[in-house]
C-alpha atoms as a PDB file:
ATOM      1  CA  MET A   1      54.833  69.376  60.023  1.00  0.00           C
ATOM      2  CA  GLN A   2      53.979  68.129  56.562  1.00  0.00           C
ATOM      3  CA  SER A   3      56.313  65.957  54.574  1.00  0.00           C
ATOM      4  CA  GLY A   4      59.020  68.005  52.918  1.00  0.00           C
ATOM      5  CA  LYS A   5      57.821  68.710  49.412  1.00  0.00           C
ATOM      6  CA  PHE A   6      58.059  72.225  48.017  1.00  0.00           C
ATOM      7  CA  PRO A   7      55.769  74.035  47.840  1.00  0.00           C
ATOM      8  CA  ALA A   8      53.266  71.919  49.755  1.00  0.00           C
ATOM      9  CA  MET A   9      55.607  72.214  52.739  1.00  0.00           C
ATOM     10  CA  LEU A  10      55.640  75.983  52.245  1.00  0.00           C
ATOM     11  CA  VAL A  11      51.887  76.130  52.834  1.00  0.00           C
ATOM     12  CA  ALA A  12      52.247  74.126  56.024  1.00  0.00           C
ATOM     13  CA  GLY A  13      54.825  76.670  57.171  1.00  0.00           C
ATOM     14  CA  LEU A  14      52.576  79.597  56.307  1.00  0.00           C
ATOM     15  CA  ALA A  15      49.868  78.147  58.525  1.00  0.00           C
ATOM     16  CA  VAL A  16      52.339  78.236  61.426  1.00  0.00           C
ATOM     17  CA  VAL A  17      54.273  81.419  60.795  1.00  0.00           C
ATOM     18  CA  VAL A  18      51.857  83.810  59.099  1.00  0.00           C
ATOM     19  CA  PHE A  19      49.356  83.528  61.929  1.00  0.00           C
ATOM     20  CA  GLY A  20      51.857  82.837  64.693  1.00  0.00           C
ATOM     21  CA  THR A  21      50.115  79.628  65.836  1.00  0.00           C
ATOM     22  CA  ALA A  22      51.665  76.500  67.235  1.00  0.00           C
ATOM     23  CA  GLY A  23      50.158  74.070  65.552  1.00  0.00           C
ATOM     24  CA  CYS A  24      49.083  80.829  35.873  1.00  0.00           C
ATOM     25  CA  GLY A  25      49.622  80.486  32.655  1.00  0.00           C
ATOM     26  CA  GLY A  26      47.430  79.171  29.872  1.00  0.00           C
ATOM     27  CA  SER A  27      47.619  76.121  27.634  1.00  0.00           C
ATOM     28  CA  SER A  28      48.831  76.383  24.056  1.00  0.00           C
ATOM     29  CA  SER A  29      46.945  74.978  21.051  1.00  0.00           C
ATOM     30  CA  THR A  30      50.205  73.656  19.577  1.00  0.00           C
ATOM     31  CA  PRO A  31      51.830  70.416  20.791  1.00  0.00           C
ATOM     32  CA  ILE A  32      53.802  70.813  23.983  1.00  0.00           C
ATOM     33  CA  HIS A  33      57.042  68.851  24.363  1.00  0.00           C
ATOM     34  CA  PRO A  34      58.538  69.370  27.819  1.00  0.00           C
ATOM     35  CA  ALA A  35      61.729  67.667  28.866  1.00  0.00           C
ATOM     36  CA  THR A  36      61.085  64.184  30.202  1.00  0.00           C
ATOM     37  CA  THR A  37      64.284  63.660  32.194  1.00  0.00           C
ATOM     38  CA  LEU A  38      65.002  65.513  35.414  1.00  0.00           C
ATOM     39  CA  ILE A  39      68.303  67.373  35.398  1.00  0.00           C
ATOM     40  CA  THR A  40      71.040  66.416  37.827  1.00  0.00           C
ATOM     41  CA  VAL A  41      70.392  68.728  40.770  1.00  0.00           C
ATOM     42  CA  GLN A  42      73.593  70.475  41.895  1.00  0.00           C
ATOM     43  CA  ASN A  43      74.960  72.488  44.756  1.00  0.00           C
ATOM     44  CA  GLY A  44      74.328  76.126  43.780  1.00  0.00           C
ATOM     45  CA  ASP A  45      71.038  75.672  41.886  1.00  0.00           C
ATOM     46  CA  GLN A  46      68.566  78.408  42.831  1.00  0.00           C
ATOM     47  CA  TRP A  47      64.923  79.291  42.109  1.00  0.00           C
ATOM     48  CA  GLN A  48      63.101  82.495  43.122  1.00  0.00           C
ATOM     49  CA  TYR A  49      59.323  83.007  43.353  1.00  0.00           C
ATOM     50  CA  ASN A  50      56.598  85.553  43.974  1.00  0.00           C
ATOM     51  CA  ILE A  51      53.844  84.459  46.359  1.00  0.00           C
ATOM     52  CA  THR A  52      50.228  85.662  46.372  1.00  0.00           C
ATOM     53  CA  GLY A  53      47.103  84.303  47.989  1.00  0.00           C
ATOM     54  CA  THR A  54      44.243  84.707  50.427  1.00  0.00           C
ATOM     55  CA  ALA A  55      43.298  83.534  53.904  1.00  0.00           C
ATOM     56  CA  THR A  56      39.502  83.229  54.089  1.00  0.00           C
ATOM     57  CA  PRO A  57      37.495  82.383  57.238  1.00  0.00           C
ATOM     58  CA  THR A  58      35.732  79.061  56.620  1.00  0.00           C
ATOM     59  CA  GLY A  59      32.555  80.405  58.252  1.00  0.00           C
ATOM     60  CA  GLY A  60      32.474  83.447  55.966  1.00  0.00           C
ATOM     61  CA  GLY A  61      34.027  86.859  56.261  1.00  0.00           C
ATOM     62  CA  GLN A  62      36.669  89.051  54.702  1.00  0.00           C
ATOM     63  CA  ALA A  63      39.490  87.332  52.810  1.00  0.00           C
ATOM     64  CA  LEU A  64      42.914  88.555  53.912  1.00  0.00           C
ATOM     65  CA  PRO A  65      45.478  89.090  51.127  1.00  0.00           C
ATOM     66  CA  ILE A  66      48.784  87.216  51.311  1.00  0.00           C
ATOM     67  CA  THR A  67      51.900  88.455  49.500  1.00  0.00           C
ATOM     68  CA  GLY A  68      55.538  87.528  49.638  1.00  0.00           C
ATOM     69  CA  THR A  69      58.608  85.957  48.074  1.00  0.00           C
ATOM     70  CA  ALA A  70      60.452  82.668  48.359  1.00  0.00           C
ATOM     71  CA  ILE A  71      63.909  81.527  47.351  1.00  0.00           C
ATOM     72  CA  ILE A  72      65.163  77.941  47.134  1.00  0.00           C
ATOM     73  CA  ASN A  73      68.905  77.365  47.377  1.00  0.00           C
ATOM     74  CA  THR A  74      70.496  73.964  46.814  1.00  0.00           C
ATOM     75  CA  GLY A  75      73.388  72.960  49.035  1.00  0.00           C
ATOM     76  CA  SER A  76      75.452  69.866  49.777  1.00  0.00           C
ATOM     77  CA  THR A  77      75.632  68.295  53.221  1.00  0.00           C
ATOM     78  CA  THR A  78      75.625  64.969  55.067  1.00  0.00           C
ATOM     79  CA  VAL A  79      72.787  63.173  56.858  1.00  0.00           C
ATOM     80  CA  ASN A  80      73.685  60.279  59.142  1.00  0.00           C
ATOM     81  CA  ALA A  81      77.245  60.438  57.779  1.00  0.00           C
ATOM     82  CA  GLN A  82      75.995  59.990  54.202  1.00  0.00           C
ATOM     83  CA  PRO A  83      76.306  62.655  51.455  1.00  0.00           C
ATOM     84  CA  ALA A  84      73.066  64.459  50.612  1.00  0.00           C
ATOM     85  CA  LEU A  85      71.709  67.567  48.939  1.00  0.00           C
ATOM     86  CA  VAL A  86      69.361  70.038  50.575  1.00  0.00           C
ATOM     87  CA  PHE A  87      66.703  72.391  49.247  1.00  0.00           C
ATOM     88  CA  SER A  88      66.773  75.340  51.667  1.00  0.00           C
ATOM     89  CA  ILE A  89      63.535  77.309  51.300  1.00  0.00           C
ATOM     90  CA  ALA A  90      63.442  80.837  52.746  1.00  0.00           C
ATOM     91  CA  SER A  91      60.059  82.584  52.550  1.00  0.00           C
ATOM     92  CA  ASN A  92      59.069  86.103  53.551  1.00  0.00           C
ATOM     93  CA  VAL A  93      55.298  86.511  53.744  1.00  0.00           C
ATOM     94  CA  SER A  94      52.899  89.286  54.734  1.00  0.00           C
ATOM     95  CA  VAL A  95      49.186  88.940  55.538  1.00  0.00           C
ATOM     96  CA  ASN A  96      46.851  91.890  55.066  1.00  0.00           C
ATOM     97  CA  GLY A  97      49.760  94.330  54.774  1.00  0.00           C
ATOM     98  CA  ALA A  98      51.348  93.431  58.113  1.00  0.00           C
ATOM     99  CA  ALA A  99      55.096  93.214  58.567  1.00  0.00           C
ATOM    100  CA  ALA A 100      56.570  90.241  56.719  1.00  0.00           C
ATOM    101  CA  VAL A 101      57.520  87.132  58.667  1.00  0.00           C
ATOM    102  CA  GLN A 102      60.128  84.579  57.674  1.00  0.00           C
ATOM    103  CA  ILE A 103      60.122  80.815  57.658  1.00  0.00           C
ATOM    104  CA  VAL A 104      63.043  78.573  56.715  1.00  0.00           C
ATOM    105  CA  GLN A 105      62.501  74.971  55.657  1.00  0.00           C
ATOM    106  CA  ASP A 106      65.068  72.386  54.609  1.00  0.00           C
ATOM    107  CA  ILE A 107      64.398  69.271  52.541  1.00  0.00           C
ATOM    108  CA  TYR A 108      67.314  66.803  52.546  1.00  0.00           C
ATOM    109  CA  PHE A 109      67.476  64.297  49.697  1.00  0.00           C
ATOM    110  CA  THR A 110      69.604  62.186  47.407  1.00  0.00           C
ATOM    111  CA  GLN A 111      69.307  61.743  43.631  1.00  0.00           C
ATOM    112  CA  ASP A 112      69.786  58.216  42.326  1.00  0.00           C
ATOM    113  CA  VAL A 113      71.342  57.153  39.006  1.00  0.00           C
ATOM    114  CA  ASN A 114      67.931  57.368  37.303  1.00  0.00           C
ATOM    115  CA  GLY A 115      67.334  60.925  38.489  1.00  0.00           C
ATOM    116  CA  ASN A 116      64.733  60.138  41.175  1.00  0.00           C
ATOM    117  CA  LEU A 117      64.771  62.404  44.248  1.00  0.00           C
ATOM    118  CA  ILE A 118      64.632  60.460  47.519  1.00  0.00           C
ATOM    119  CA  GLU A 119      63.876  62.270  50.772  1.00  0.00           C
ATOM    120  CA  VAL A 120      66.074  61.525  53.787  1.00  0.00           C
ATOM    121  CA  GLN A 121      65.196  64.312  56.233  1.00  0.00           C
ATOM    122  CA  GLN A 122      63.255  67.558  56.644  1.00  0.00           C
ATOM    123  CA  SER A 123      63.311  70.474  59.068  1.00  0.00           C
ATOM    124  CA  LEU A 124      61.213  73.534  59.793  1.00  0.00           C
ATOM    125  CA  GLN A 125      62.517  76.620  61.577  1.00  0.00           C
ATOM    126  CA  ASP A 126      60.209  79.294  62.973  1.00  0.00           C
ATOM    127  CA  SER A 127      59.868  81.396  66.127  1.00  0.00           C
ATOM    128  CA  SER A 128      59.274  78.250  68.203  1.00  0.00           C
ATOM    129  CA  GLY A 129      62.579  76.693  67.164  1.00  0.00           C
ATOM    130  CA  VAL A 130      63.722  73.948  64.779  1.00  0.00           C
ATOM    131  CA  LYS A 131      61.723  70.759  64.225  1.00  0.00           C
ATOM    132  CA  THR A 132      63.497  67.918  62.408  1.00  0.00           C
ATOM    133  CA  LYS A 133      62.133  64.614  61.068  1.00  0.00           C
ATOM    134  CA  THR A 134      64.324  61.875  59.626  1.00  0.00           C
ATOM    135  CA  VAL A 135      63.112  59.195  57.227  1.00  0.00           C
ATOM    136  CA  THR A 136      63.429  55.722  58.762  1.00  0.00           C
ATOM    137  CA  THR A 137      64.564  53.880  55.621  1.00  0.00           C
ATOM    138  CA  PRO A 138      65.291  56.250  52.724  1.00  0.00           C
ATOM    139  CA  SER A 139      64.842  54.406  49.422  1.00  0.00           C
ATOM    140  CA  LEU A 140      63.120  54.615  46.053  1.00  0.00           C
ATOM    141  CA  ALA A 141      60.294  52.437  47.383  1.00  0.00           C
ATOM    142  CA  ASN A 142      59.883  54.232  50.713  1.00  0.00           C
ATOM    143  CA  SER A 143      60.582  57.948  50.249  1.00  0.00           C
ATOM    144  CA  GLU A 144      60.706  58.986  46.588  1.00  0.00           C
ATOM    145  CA  ILE A 145      59.396  62.552  46.312  1.00  0.00           C
ATOM    146  CA  PHE A 146      59.924  63.343  42.598  1.00  0.00           C
ATOM    147  CA  PRO A 147      60.500  61.001  39.646  1.00  0.00           C
ATOM    148  CA  GLY A 148      63.565  61.099  37.443  1.00  0.00           C
ATOM    149  CA  THR A 149      61.433  60.607  34.314  1.00  0.00           C
ATOM    150  CA  PHE A 150      58.161  62.417  33.649  1.00  0.00           C
ATOM    151  CA  SER A 151      55.270  61.179  31.498  1.00  0.00           C
ATOM    152  CA  ASN A 152      51.496  61.574  31.436  1.00  0.00           C
ATOM    153  CA  GLY A 153      50.103  59.267  34.112  1.00  0.00           C
ATOM    154  CA  GLU A 154      53.404  58.756  35.971  1.00  0.00           C
ATOM    155  CA  THR A 155      52.546  58.143  39.634  1.00  0.00           C
ATOM    156  CA  VAL A 156      54.514  58.110  42.868  1.00  0.00           C
ATOM    157  CA  ALA A 157      52.584  56.630  45.815  1.00  0.00           C
ATOM    158  CA  GLU A 158      53.981  55.548  49.175  1.00  0.00           C
ATOM    159  CA  THR A 159      53.828  55.944  52.925  1.00  0.00           C
ATOM    160  CA  ILE A 160      56.893  57.692  54.300  1.00  0.00           C
ATOM    161  CA  ASP A 161      57.891  56.516  57.785  1.00  0.00           C
ATOM    162  CA  PHE A 162      59.930  58.721  60.131  1.00  0.00           C
ATOM    163  CA  THR A 163      62.160  57.810  63.061  1.00  0.00           C
ATOM    164  CA  ASP A 164      59.836  59.677  65.460  1.00  0.00           C
ATOM    165  CA  THR A 165      57.283  56.867  64.692  1.00  0.00           C
ATOM    166  CA  THR A 166      55.059  59.147  62.594  1.00  0.00           C
ATOM    167  CA  SER A 167      54.192  58.323  59.002  1.00  0.00           C
ATOM    168  CA  GLU A 168      52.629  60.124  56.085  1.00  0.00           C
ATOM    169  CA  ALA A 169      50.878  59.051  52.904  1.00  0.00           C
ATOM    170  CA  TYR A 170      52.319  60.778  49.833  1.00  0.00           C
ATOM    171  CA  LYS A 171      51.107  60.638  46.242  1.00  0.00           C
ATOM    172  CA  LEU A 172      52.143  62.508  43.096  1.00  0.00           C
ATOM    173  CA  VAL A 173      50.355  62.127  39.746  1.00  0.00           C
ATOM    174  CA  VAL A 174      51.705  63.630  36.496  1.00  0.00           C
ATOM    175  CA  GLY A 175      49.254  65.034  33.918  1.00  0.00           C
ATOM    176  CA  ALA A 176      49.407  65.936  30.229  1.00  0.00           C
ATOM    177  CA  PRO A 177      51.985  68.552  29.103  1.00  0.00           C
ATOM    178  CA  ALA A 178      51.080  72.237  29.420  1.00  0.00           C
ATOM    179  CA  GLN A 179      52.826  75.488  28.543  1.00  0.00           C
ATOM    180  CA  GLU A 180      53.021  77.963  31.433  1.00  0.00           C
ATOM    181  CA  THR A 181      54.072  81.612  31.501  1.00  0.00           C
ATOM    182  CA  THR A 182      55.695  83.186  34.569  1.00  0.00           C
ATOM    183  CA  PRO A 183      57.749  86.365  35.126  1.00  0.00           C
ATOM    184  CA  ALA A 184      60.813  84.212  34.383  1.00  0.00           C
ATOM    185  CA  GLY A 185      59.565  83.210  30.922  1.00  0.00           C
ATOM    186  CA  VAL A 186      57.591  80.543  29.090  1.00  0.00           C
ATOM    187  CA  PHE A 187      58.055  76.919  30.146  1.00  0.00           C
ATOM    188  CA  ASN A 188      56.924  73.577  28.760  1.00  0.00           C
ATOM    189  CA  THR A 189      55.805  71.706  31.864  1.00  0.00           C
ATOM    190  CA  TRP A 190      54.182  68.642  33.380  1.00  0.00           C
ATOM    191  CA  PRO A 191      51.212  69.444  35.659  1.00  0.00           C
ATOM    192  CA  THR A 192      51.448  67.447  38.870  1.00  0.00           C
ATOM    193  CA  THR A 193      48.892  66.870  41.605  1.00  0.00           C
ATOM    194  CA  ILE A 194      50.307  66.143  45.042  1.00  0.00           C
ATOM    195  CA  THR A 195      48.262  64.530  47.813  1.00  0.00           C
ATOM    196  CA  ILE A 196      49.652  64.508  51.349  1.00  0.00           C
ATOM    197  CA  GLY A 197      47.916  62.608  54.107  1.00  0.00           C
ATOM    198  CA  GLY A 198      44.887  62.103  51.863  1.00  0.00           C
ATOM    199  CA  ALA A 199      44.414  65.838  51.210  1.00  0.00           C
ATOM    200  CA  ALA A 200      44.903  67.182  47.674  1.00  0.00           C
ATOM    201  CA  GLN A 201      47.254  70.155  47.640  1.00  0.00           C
ATOM    202  CA  GLY A 202      46.432  71.575  44.191  1.00  0.00           C
ATOM    203  CA  THR A 203      48.108  71.620  40.784  1.00  0.00           C
ATOM    204  CA  GLU A 204      51.759  72.499  40.319  1.00  0.00           C
ATOM    205  CA  PHE A 205      53.700  72.721  37.066  1.00  0.00           C
ATOM    206  CA  TRP A 206      57.083  70.996  36.940  1.00  0.00           C
ATOM    207  CA  ASP A 207      59.785  71.590  34.331  1.00  0.00           C
ATOM    208  CA  PRO A 208      62.406  68.802  34.504  1.00  0.00           C
ATOM    209  CA  ALA A 209      64.744  70.965  32.393  1.00  0.00           C
ATOM    210  CA  ILE A 210      65.194  73.404  35.298  1.00  0.00           C
ATOM    211  CA  GLY A 211      64.725  70.856  38.068  1.00  0.00           C
ATOM    212  CA  MET A 212      61.797  72.494  39.860  1.00  0.00           C
ATOM    213  CA  PHE A 213      58.193  73.717  39.742  1.00  0.00           C
ATOM    214  CA  VAL A 214      57.608  76.926  37.771  1.00  0.00           C
ATOM    215  CA  GLN A 215      54.242  77.824  39.261  1.00  0.00           C
ATOM    216  CA  GLY A 216      51.176  76.442  40.968  1.00  0.00           C
ATOM    217  CA  THR A 217      48.278  76.954  43.330  1.00  0.00           C
ATOM    218  CA  ILE A 218      47.855  75.103  46.613  1.00  0.00           C
ATOM    219  CA  ASN A 219      44.792  75.068  48.841  1.00  0.00           C
ATOM    220  CA  THR A 220      44.432  74.002  52.445  1.00  0.00           C
ATOM    221  CA  GLY A 221      41.842  74.516  55.151  1.00  0.00           C
ATOM    222  CA  ASN A 222      41.088  74.327  58.856  1.00  0.00           C
ATOM    223  CA  VAL A 223      43.952  76.513  60.004  1.00  0.00           C
ATOM    224  CA  ASP A 224      42.821  77.396  63.522  1.00  0.00           C
ATOM    225  CA  VAL A 225      43.660  80.966  64.531  1.00  0.00           C
ATOM    226  CA  SER A 226      42.298  81.963  67.946  1.00  0.00           C
ATOM    227  CA  GLY A 227      39.205  79.848  67.410  1.00  0.00           C
ATOM    228  CA  THR A 228      38.619  80.850  63.772  1.00  0.00           C
ATOM    229  CA  ASN A 229      39.262  78.408  60.928  1.00  0.00           C
ATOM    230  CA  TYR A 230      40.811  79.734  57.722  1.00  0.00           C
ATOM    231  CA  ASN A 231      41.207  78.324  54.228  1.00  0.00           C
ATOM    232  CA  LEU A 232      44.547  79.202  52.650  1.00  0.00           C
ATOM    233  CA  SER A 233      44.897  79.553  48.887  1.00  0.00           C
ATOM    234  CA  ILE A 234      48.504  80.150  47.885  1.00  0.00           C
ATOM    235  CA  SER A 235      49.822  80.766  44.366  1.00  0.00           C
ATOM    236  CA  TYR A 236      53.470  81.059  43.411  1.00  0.00           C
ATOM    237  CA  ALA A 237      55.284  81.913  40.178  1.00  0.00           C
ATOM    238  CA  LEU A 238      58.927  81.603  39.195  1.00  0.00           C
ATOM    239  CA  THR A 239      60.721  84.928  38.768  1.00  0.00           C
ATOM    240  CA  LYS A 240      64.302  83.737  38.278  1.00  0.00           C
ATOM    241  CA  VAL A 241      66.215  80.480  37.914  1.00  0.00           C
ATOM    242  CA  THR A 242      69.992  80.047  38.247  1.00  0.00           C
ATOM    243  CA  LEU A 243      71.503  76.627  37.579  1.00  0.00           C
ATOM    244  CA  ALA A 244      75.033  75.742  38.631  1.00  0.00           C
ATOM    245  CA  PRO A 245      77.423  75.195  35.676  1.00  0.00           C
END
């Protein structure tokens, strides 16, 4: 299971659930001035998305269309007797017109006084059950997943250690501002590139004013399905955002 960052974690889930295995807008010519400070994430915040994409055999062959929806709900909870927030991601995805399948992923985190999001735990629920991983020492230095302040060149880089003795390299790099259009409207955003375990996930556009990505495209490969490797290319776009008062 990949480290719990939406939507990179969503793609990891699609590789498991869609195949049943075990294992965008344009830039404006005028200056763009997105918000630089991440909002305070609250219980009740919600973001909804459309999902499109393809699953293409790495050795050549017909690309299978992927369609679906995802919704992220924010809740409050406790982890190891400490208060935390949770992004609960519910996705319904269909491949090549087949019946949709569902995956539920939870990312548990805290937000410090400077707005940084710090991961404390993650879980993935599919037909095989629930898999949970807990961060060994949650802190700004060890498990920051999103910065509280965005600027061109801002970088988060660390190795996240989990109590099951696994670890994962995580890196996020912020690019120059860009204006993006989705079904939910026009947003002034910061493009971000996320690398997990040394593999680039693609470009995703973050708007600190709404506390989440508005759209992006993620690519991954070598998803083994009955002896055939597939490359997944997944795009998502925000359709609705609801922020708690």
